[in-house]
PDB file of all heavy atoms in Angstrom:
ATOM      1  N   ARG A   1     -29.192 -41.754 -52.603  1.00  0.00           N
ATOM      2  CA  ARG A   1     -27.927 -41.991 -51.848  1.00  0.00           C
ATOM      3  C   ARG A   1     -26.758 -41.658 -52.763  1.00  0.00           C
ATOM      4  O   ARG A   1     -26.773 -41.939 -53.984  1.00  0.00           O
ATOM      5  CB  ARG A   1     -27.797 -43.449 -51.435  1.00  0.00           C
ATOM      6  CG  ARG A   1     -28.711 -43.869 -50.273  1.00  0.00           C
ATOM      7  CD  ARG A   1     -28.280 -45.221 -49.795  1.00  0.00           C
ATOM      8  NE  ARG A   1     -29.217 -45.810 -48.854  1.00  0.00           N
ATOM      9  CZ  ARG A   1     -30.209 -46.574 -49.152  1.00  0.00           C
ATOM     10  NH1 ARG A   1     -30.439 -46.916 -50.429  1.00  0.00           N
ATOM     11  NH2 ARG A   1     -31.032 -47.071 -48.236  1.00  0.00           N
ATOM     12  N   LYS A   2     -25.714 -41.069 -52.187  1.00  0.00           N
ATOM     13  CA  LYS A   2     -24.533 -40.717 -52.983  1.00  0.00           C
ATOM     14  C   LYS A   2     -23.278 -41.124 -52.207  1.00  0.00           C
ATOM     15  O   LYS A   2     -23.309 -41.333 -51.002  1.00  0.00           O
ATOM     16  CB  LYS A   2     -24.465 -39.201 -53.256  1.00  0.00           C
ATOM     17  CG  LYS A   2     -25.632 -38.705 -54.202  1.00  0.00           C
ATOM     18  CD  LYS A   2     -25.478 -39.338 -55.617  1.00  0.00           C
ATOM     19  CE  LYS A   2     -26.568 -38.876 -56.520  1.00  0.00           C
ATOM     20  NZ  LYS A   2     -26.442 -39.430 -57.880  1.00  0.00           N
ATOM     21  N   ILE A   3     -22.179 -41.231 -52.978  1.00  0.00           N
ATOM     22  CA  ILE A   3     -20.858 -41.664 -52.474  1.00  0.00           C
ATOM     23  C   ILE A   3     -20.917 -42.773 -51.421  1.00  0.00           C
ATOM     24  O   ILE A   3     -20.518 -42.625 -50.268  1.00  0.00           O
ATOM     25  CB  ILE A   3     -20.027 -40.468 -51.948  1.00  0.00           C
ATOM     26  CG1 ILE A   3     -20.843 -39.620 -50.919  1.00  0.00           C
ATOM     27  CG2 ILE A   3     -19.607 -39.557 -53.092  1.00  0.00           C
ATOM     28  CD1 ILE A   3     -19.981 -38.525 -50.311  1.00  0.00           C
ATOM     29  N   GLY A   4     -21.539 -43.858 -51.833  1.00  0.00           N
ATOM     30  CA  GLY A   4     -21.627 -45.063 -50.965  1.00  0.00           C
ATOM     31  C   GLY A   4     -22.511 -44.905 -49.748  1.00  0.00           C
ATOM     32  O   GLY A   4     -22.279 -45.570 -48.763  1.00  0.00           O
ATOM     33  N   GLY A   5     -23.516 -44.037 -49.858  1.00  0.00           N
ATOM     34  CA  GLY A   5     -24.377 -43.835 -48.749  1.00  0.00           C
ATOM     35  C   GLY A   5     -23.921 -42.850 -47.722  1.00  0.00           C
ATOM     36  O   GLY A   5     -24.614 -42.616 -46.700  1.00  0.00           O
ATOM     37  N   MET A   6     -22.803 -42.165 -47.959  1.00  0.00           N
ATOM     38  CA  MET A   6     -22.303 -41.203 -46.982  1.00  0.00           C
ATOM     39  C   MET A   6     -23.038 -39.887 -47.086  1.00  0.00           C
ATOM     40  O   MET A   6     -22.934 -39.017 -46.147  1.00  0.00           O
ATOM     41  CB  MET A   6     -20.819 -40.955 -47.218  1.00  0.00           C
ATOM     42  CG  MET A   6     -19.940 -42.173 -46.887  1.00  0.00           C
ATOM     43  SD  MET A   6     -18.185 -41.873 -47.254  1.00  0.00           S
ATOM     44  CE  MET A   6     -17.842 -40.546 -46.107  1.00  0.00           C
ATOM     45  N   ALA A   7     -23.784 -39.657 -48.145  1.00  0.00           N
ATOM     46  CA  ALA A   7     -24.529 -38.398 -48.305  1.00  0.00           C
ATOM     47  C   ALA A   7     -25.817 -38.677 -49.012  1.00  0.00           C
ATOM     48  O   ALA A   7     -26.027 -39.769 -49.647  1.00  0.00           O
ATOM     49  CB  ALA A   7     -23.722 -37.388 -49.178  1.00  0.00           C
ATOM     50  N   ILE A   8     -26.773 -37.834 -48.839  1.00  0.00           N
ATOM     51  CA  ILE A   8     -28.074 -37.921 -49.445  1.00  0.00           C
ATOM     52  C   ILE A   8     -28.324 -36.643 -50.269  1.00  0.00           C
ATOM     53  O   ILE A   8     -28.098 -35.533 -49.840  1.00  0.00           O
ATOM     54  CB  ILE A   8     -29.201 -38.053 -48.417  1.00  0.00           C
ATOM     55  CG1 ILE A   8     -29.188 -39.473 -47.806  1.00  0.00           C
ATOM     56  CG2 ILE A   8     -30.611 -37.777 -49.036  1.00  0.00           C
ATOM     57  CD1 ILE A   8     -30.205 -39.702 -46.732  1.00  0.00           C
ATOM     58  N   LEU A   9     -28.710 -36.849 -51.530  1.00  0.00           N
ATOM     59  CA  LEU A   9     -29.013 -35.762 -52.426  1.00  0.00           C
ATOM     60  C   LEU A   9     -30.529 -35.652 -52.581  1.00  0.00           C
ATOM     61  O   LEU A   9     -31.172 -36.616 -52.959  1.00  0.00           O
ATOM     62  CB  LEU A   9     -28.353 -36.013 -53.804  1.00  0.00           C
ATOM     63  CG  LEU A   9     -28.629 -34.925 -54.860  1.00  0.00           C
ATOM     64  CD1 LEU A   9     -27.913 -33.593 -54.501  1.00  0.00           C
ATOM     65  CD2 LEU A   9     -28.132 -35.398 -56.213  1.00  0.00           C
ATOM     66  N   ALA A  10     -31.062 -34.477 -52.243  1.00  0.00           N
ATOM     67  CA  ALA A  10     -32.512 -34.270 -52.296  1.00  0.00           C
ATOM     68  C   ALA A  10     -32.816 -33.138 -53.302  1.00  0.00           C
ATOM     69  O   ALA A  10     -32.349 -32.005 -53.165  1.00  0.00           O
ATOM     70  CB  ALA A  10     -33.017 -33.854 -50.937  1.00  0.00           C
ATOM     71  N   GLU A  11     -33.622 -33.494 -54.283  1.00  0.00           N
ATOM     72  CA  GLU A  11     -34.010 -32.510 -55.313  1.00  0.00           C
ATOM     73  C   GLU A  11     -35.511 -32.365 -55.276  1.00  0.00           C
ATOM     74  O   GLU A  11     -36.250 -33.335 -55.411  1.00  0.00           O
ATOM     75  CB  GLU A  11     -33.532 -32.951 -56.719  1.00  0.00           C
ATOM     76  CG  GLU A  11     -33.867 -31.983 -57.810  1.00  0.00           C
ATOM     77  CD  GLU A  11     -33.413 -32.457 -59.165  1.00  0.00           C
ATOM     78  OE1 GLU A  11     -32.984 -33.623 -59.278  1.00  0.00           O
ATOM     79  OE2 GLU A  11     -33.441 -31.667 -60.140  1.00  0.00           O
ATOM     80  N   GLY A  12     -35.962 -31.106 -55.107  1.00  0.00           N
ATOM     81  CA  GLY A  12     -37.393 -30.811 -55.083  1.00  0.00           C
ATOM     82  C   GLY A  12     -37.854 -29.850 -56.131  1.00  0.00           C
ATOM     83  O   GLY A  12     -37.134 -28.888 -56.388  1.00  0.00           O
ATOM     84  N   VAL A  13     -38.998 -30.170 -56.766  1.00  0.00           N
ATOM     85  CA  VAL A  13     -39.570 -29.247 -57.742  1.00  0.00           C
ATOM     86  C   VAL A  13     -41.048 -29.041 -57.406  1.00  0.00           C
ATOM     87  O   VAL A  13     -41.809 -30.001 -57.293  1.00  0.00           O
ATOM     88  CB  VAL A  13     -39.445 -29.801 -59.192  1.00  0.00           C
ATOM     89  CG1 VAL A  13     -40.081 -28.864 -60.180  1.00  0.00           C
ATOM     90  CG2 VAL A  13     -37.982 -30.047 -59.520  1.00  0.00           C
ATOM     91  N   GLY A  14     -41.420 -27.787 -57.262  1.00  0.00           N
ATOM     92  CA  GLY A  14     -42.786 -27.435 -56.952  1.00  0.00           C
ATOM     93  C   GLY A  14     -43.458 -26.717 -58.100  1.00  0.00           C
ATOM     94  O   GLY A  14     -42.867 -25.857 -58.751  1.00  0.00           O
ATOM     95  N   THR A  15     -44.693 -27.127 -58.458  1.00  0.00           N
ATOM     96  CA  THR A  15     -45.443 -26.552 -59.518  1.00  0.00           C
ATOM     97  C   THR A  15     -46.685 -25.836 -59.029  1.00  0.00           C
ATOM     98  O   THR A  15     -47.457 -26.471 -58.303  1.00  0.00           O
ATOM     99  CB  THR A  15     -45.879 -27.640 -60.555  1.00  0.00           C
ATOM    100  OG1 THR A  15     -44.730 -28.350 -61.027  1.00  0.00           O
ATOM    101  CG2 THR A  15     -46.606 -27.017 -61.744  1.00  0.00           C
ATOM    102  N   ASN A  16     -46.794 -24.568 -59.368  1.00  0.00           N
ATOM    103  CA  ASN A  16     -47.938 -23.799 -58.874  1.00  0.00           C
ATOM    104  C   ASN A  16     -49.281 -24.337 -59.400  1.00  0.00           C
ATOM    105  O   ASN A  16     -49.395 -24.620 -60.612  1.00  0.00           O
ATOM    106  CB  ASN A  16     -47.826 -22.344 -59.305  1.00  0.00           C
ATOM    107  CG  ASN A  16     -46.621 -21.655 -58.709  1.00  0.00           C
ATOM    108  OD1 ASN A  16     -46.205 -21.969 -57.575  1.00  0.00           O
ATOM    109  ND2 ASN A  16     -46.026 -20.713 -59.481  1.00  0.00           N
ATOM    110  N   LYS A  17     -50.237 -24.503 -58.533  1.00  0.00           N
ATOM    111  CA  LYS A  17     -51.569 -24.954 -58.918  1.00  0.00           C
ATOM    112  C   LYS A  17     -52.263 -23.857 -59.725  1.00  0.00           C
ATOM    113  O   LYS A  17     -53.149 -24.187 -60.606  1.00  0.00           O
ATOM    114  CB  LYS A  17     -52.462 -25.331 -57.710  1.00  0.00           C
ATOM    115  CG  LYS A  17     -52.009 -26.623 -57.059  1.00  0.00           C
ATOM    116  CD  LYS A  17     -53.025 -26.991 -55.995  1.00  0.00           C
ATOM    117  CE  LYS A  17     -52.723 -28.350 -55.372  1.00  0.00           C
ATOM    118  NZ  LYS A  17     -53.725 -28.671 -54.324  1.00  0.00           N
ATOM    119  N   SER A  18     -51.986 -22.605 -59.491  1.00  0.00           N
ATOM    120  CA  SER A  18     -52.707 -21.522 -60.150  1.00  0.00           C
ATOM    121  C   SER A  18     -52.421 -21.438 -61.621  1.00  0.00           C
ATOM    122  O   SER A  18     -53.338 -21.188 -62.393  1.00  0.00           O
ATOM    123  CB  SER A  18     -52.349 -20.216 -59.439  1.00  0.00           C
ATOM    124  OG  SER A  18     -50.910 -19.971 -59.498  1.00  0.00           O
ATOM    125  N   ASP A  19     -51.157 -21.577 -62.012  1.00  0.00           N
ATOM    126  CA  ASP A  19     -50.852 -21.414 -63.469  1.00  0.00           C
ATOM    127  C   ASP A  19     -50.055 -22.558 -64.079  1.00  0.00           C
ATOM    128  O   ASP A  19     -49.720 -22.496 -65.287  1.00  0.00           O
ATOM    129  CB  ASP A  19     -50.049 -20.124 -63.653  1.00  0.00           C
ATOM    130  CG  ASP A  19     -48.790 -20.062 -62.767  1.00  0.00           C
ATOM    131  OD1 ASP A  19     -48.370 -21.120 -62.240  1.00  0.00           O
ATOM    132  OD2 ASP A  19     -48.251 -18.923 -62.620  1.00  0.00           O
ATOM    133  N   GLY A  20     -49.738 -23.555 -63.289  1.00  0.00           N
ATOM    134  CA  GLY A  20     -49.004 -24.736 -63.817  1.00  0.00           C
ATOM    135  C   GLY A  20     -47.527 -24.496 -64.052  1.00  0.00           C
ATOM    136  O   GLY A  20     -46.830 -25.367 -64.605  1.00  0.00           O
ATOM    137  N   LYS A  21     -46.999 -23.362 -63.659  1.00  0.00           N
ATOM    138  CA  LYS A  21     -45.589 -23.040 -63.803  1.00  0.00           C
ATOM    139  C   LYS A  21     -44.800 -23.559 -62.626  1.00  0.00           C
ATOM    140  O   LYS A  21     -45.341 -23.698 -61.517  1.00  0.00           O
ATOM    141  CB  LYS A  21     -45.406 -21.568 -63.995  1.00  0.00           C
ATOM    142  CG  LYS A  21     -46.056 -20.983 -65.255  1.00  0.00           C
ATOM    143  CD  LYS A  21     -45.750 -19.495 -65.364  1.00  0.00           C
ATOM    144  CE  LYS A  21     -46.401 -18.885 -66.625  1.00  0.00           C
ATOM    145  NZ  LYS A  21     -46.144 -17.468 -66.757  1.00  0.00           N
ATOM    146  N   VAL A  22     -43.472 -23.783 -62.867  1.00  0.00           N
ATOM    147  CA  VAL A  22     -42.594 -24.182 -61.766  1.00  0.00           C
ATOM    148  C   VAL A  22     -42.429 -23.039 -60.793  1.00  0.00           C
ATOM    149  O   VAL A  22     -42.024 -21.928 -61.129  1.00  0.00           O
ATOM    150  CB  VAL A  22     -41.211 -24.608 -62.292  1.00  0.00           C
ATOM    151  CG1 VAL A  22     -40.266 -24.879 -61.130  1.00  0.00           C
ATOM    152  CG2 VAL A  22     -41.310 -25.832 -63.157  1.00  0.00           C
ATOM    153  N   GLY A  23     -42.811 -23.295 -59.514  1.00  0.00           N
ATOM    154  CA  GLY A  23     -42.748 -22.261 -58.541  1.00  0.00           C
ATOM    155  C   GLY A  23     -41.432 -22.200 -57.774  1.00  0.00           C
ATOM    156  O   GLY A  23     -41.002 -21.144 -57.333  1.00  0.00           O
ATOM    157  N   PHE A  24     -40.847 -23.378 -57.612  1.00  0.00           N
ATOM    158  CA  PHE A  24     -39.566 -23.437 -56.885  1.00  0.00           C
ATOM    159  C   PHE A  24     -38.784 -24.659 -57.304  1.00  0.00           C
ATOM    160  O   PHE A  24     -39.368 -25.699 -57.655  1.00  0.00           O
ATOM    161  CB  PHE A  24     -39.712 -23.355 -55.372  1.00  0.00           C
ATOM    162  CG  PHE A  24     -40.314 -24.634 -54.754  1.00  0.00           C
ATOM    163  CD1 PHE A  24     -39.509 -25.698 -54.435  1.00  0.00           C
ATOM    164  CD2 PHE A  24     -41.690 -24.693 -54.553  1.00  0.00           C
ATOM    165  CE1 PHE A  24     -40.001 -26.871 -53.861  1.00  0.00           C
ATOM    166  CE2 PHE A  24     -42.220 -25.844 -53.987  1.00  0.00           C
ATOM    167  CZ  PHE A  24     -41.408 -26.911 -53.597  1.00  0.00           C
ATOM    168  N   GLU A  25     -37.503 -24.577 -57.244  1.00  0.00           N
ATOM    169  CA  GLU A  25     -36.614 -25.722 -57.469  1.00  0.00           C
ATOM    170  C   GLU A  25     -35.561 -25.643 -56.351  1.00  0.00           C
ATOM    171  O   GLU A  25     -34.988 -24.569 -56.113  1.00  0.00           O
ATOM    172  CB  GLU A  25     -35.932 -25.662 -58.792  1.00  0.00           C
ATOM    173  CG  GLU A  25     -36.848 -25.872 -59.965  1.00  0.00           C
ATOM    174  CD  GLU A  25     -36.128 -25.887 -61.278  1.00  0.00           C
ATOM    175  OE1 GLU A  25     -35.482 -26.952 -61.636  1.00  0.00           O
ATOM    176  OE2 GLU A  25     -36.133 -24.837 -61.953  1.00  0.00           O
ATOM    177  N   SER A  26     -35.311 -26.759 -55.703  1.00  0.00           N
ATOM    178  CA  SER A  26     -34.321 -26.750 -54.635  1.00  0.00           C
ATOM    179  C   SER A  26     -33.466 -28.015 -54.726  1.00  0.00           C
ATOM    180  O   SER A  26     -33.863 -29.057 -55.235  1.00  0.00           O
ATOM    181  CB  SER A  26     -35.002 -26.746 -53.249  1.00  0.00           C
ATOM    182  OG  SER A  26     -35.816 -27.944 -53.067  1.00  0.00           O
ATOM    183  N   LEU A  27     -32.236 -27.874 -54.218  1.00  0.00           N
ATOM    184  CA  LEU A  27     -31.297 -28.982 -54.200  1.00  0.00           C
ATOM    185  C   LEU A  27     -30.584 -28.947 -52.829  1.00  0.00           C
ATOM    186  O   LEU A  27     -30.118 -27.890 -52.370  1.00  0.00           O
ATOM    187  CB  LEU A  27     -30.250 -28.816 -55.274  1.00  0.00           C
ATOM    188  CG  LEU A  27     -29.297 -30.012 -55.529  1.00  0.00           C
ATOM    189  CD1 LEU A  27     -30.141 -31.194 -56.114  1.00  0.00           C
ATOM    190  CD2 LEU A  27     -28.177 -29.587 -56.480  1.00  0.00           C
ATOM    191  N   GLY A  28     -30.573 -30.108 -52.188  1.00  0.00           N
ATOM    192  CA  GLY A  28     -29.976 -30.216 -50.863  1.00  0.00           C
ATOM    193  C   GLY A  28     -29.026 -31.404 -50.772  1.00  0.00           C
ATOM    194  O   GLY A  28     -29.336 -32.453 -51.321  1.00  0.00           O
ATOM    195  N   VAL A  29     -27.891 -31.185 -50.113  1.00  0.00           N
ATOM    196  CA  VAL A  29     -26.978 -32.287 -49.869  1.00  0.00           C
ATOM    197  C   VAL A  29     -26.900 -32.464 -48.324  1.00  0.00           C
ATOM    198  O   VAL A  29     -26.523 -31.501 -47.604  1.00  0.00           O
ATOM    199  CB  VAL A  29     -25.585 -32.002 -50.431  1.00  0.00           C
ATOM    200  CG1 VAL A  29     -24.656 -33.171 -50.096  1.00  0.00           C
ATOM    201  CG2 VAL A  29     -25.695 -31.761 -51.927  1.00  0.00           C
ATOM    202  N   LEU A  30     -27.213 -33.641 -47.886  1.00  0.00           N
ATOM    203  CA  LEU A  30     -27.252 -33.945 -46.458  1.00  0.00           C
ATOM    204  C   LEU A  30     -26.178 -34.985 -46.101  1.00  0.00           C
ATOM    205  O   LEU A  30     -26.067 -35.953 -46.796  1.00  0.00           O
ATOM    206  CB  LEU A  30     -28.678 -34.435 -46.040  1.00  0.00           C
ATOM    207  CG  LEU A  30     -28.854 -34.972 -44.676  1.00  0.00           C
ATOM    208  CD1 LEU A  30     -28.637 -33.907 -43.646  1.00  0.00           C
ATOM    209  CD2 LEU A  30     -30.228 -35.532 -44.508  1.00  0.00           C
TER     210      LEU A  30
END
């Protein structure tokens, strides 16, 4: 939760099973 619950910050990190490297990083503000 951010700014008193007026927004939600979502951070996602995906790691590839094949090689263990970070496959994607995302940031969302709702």
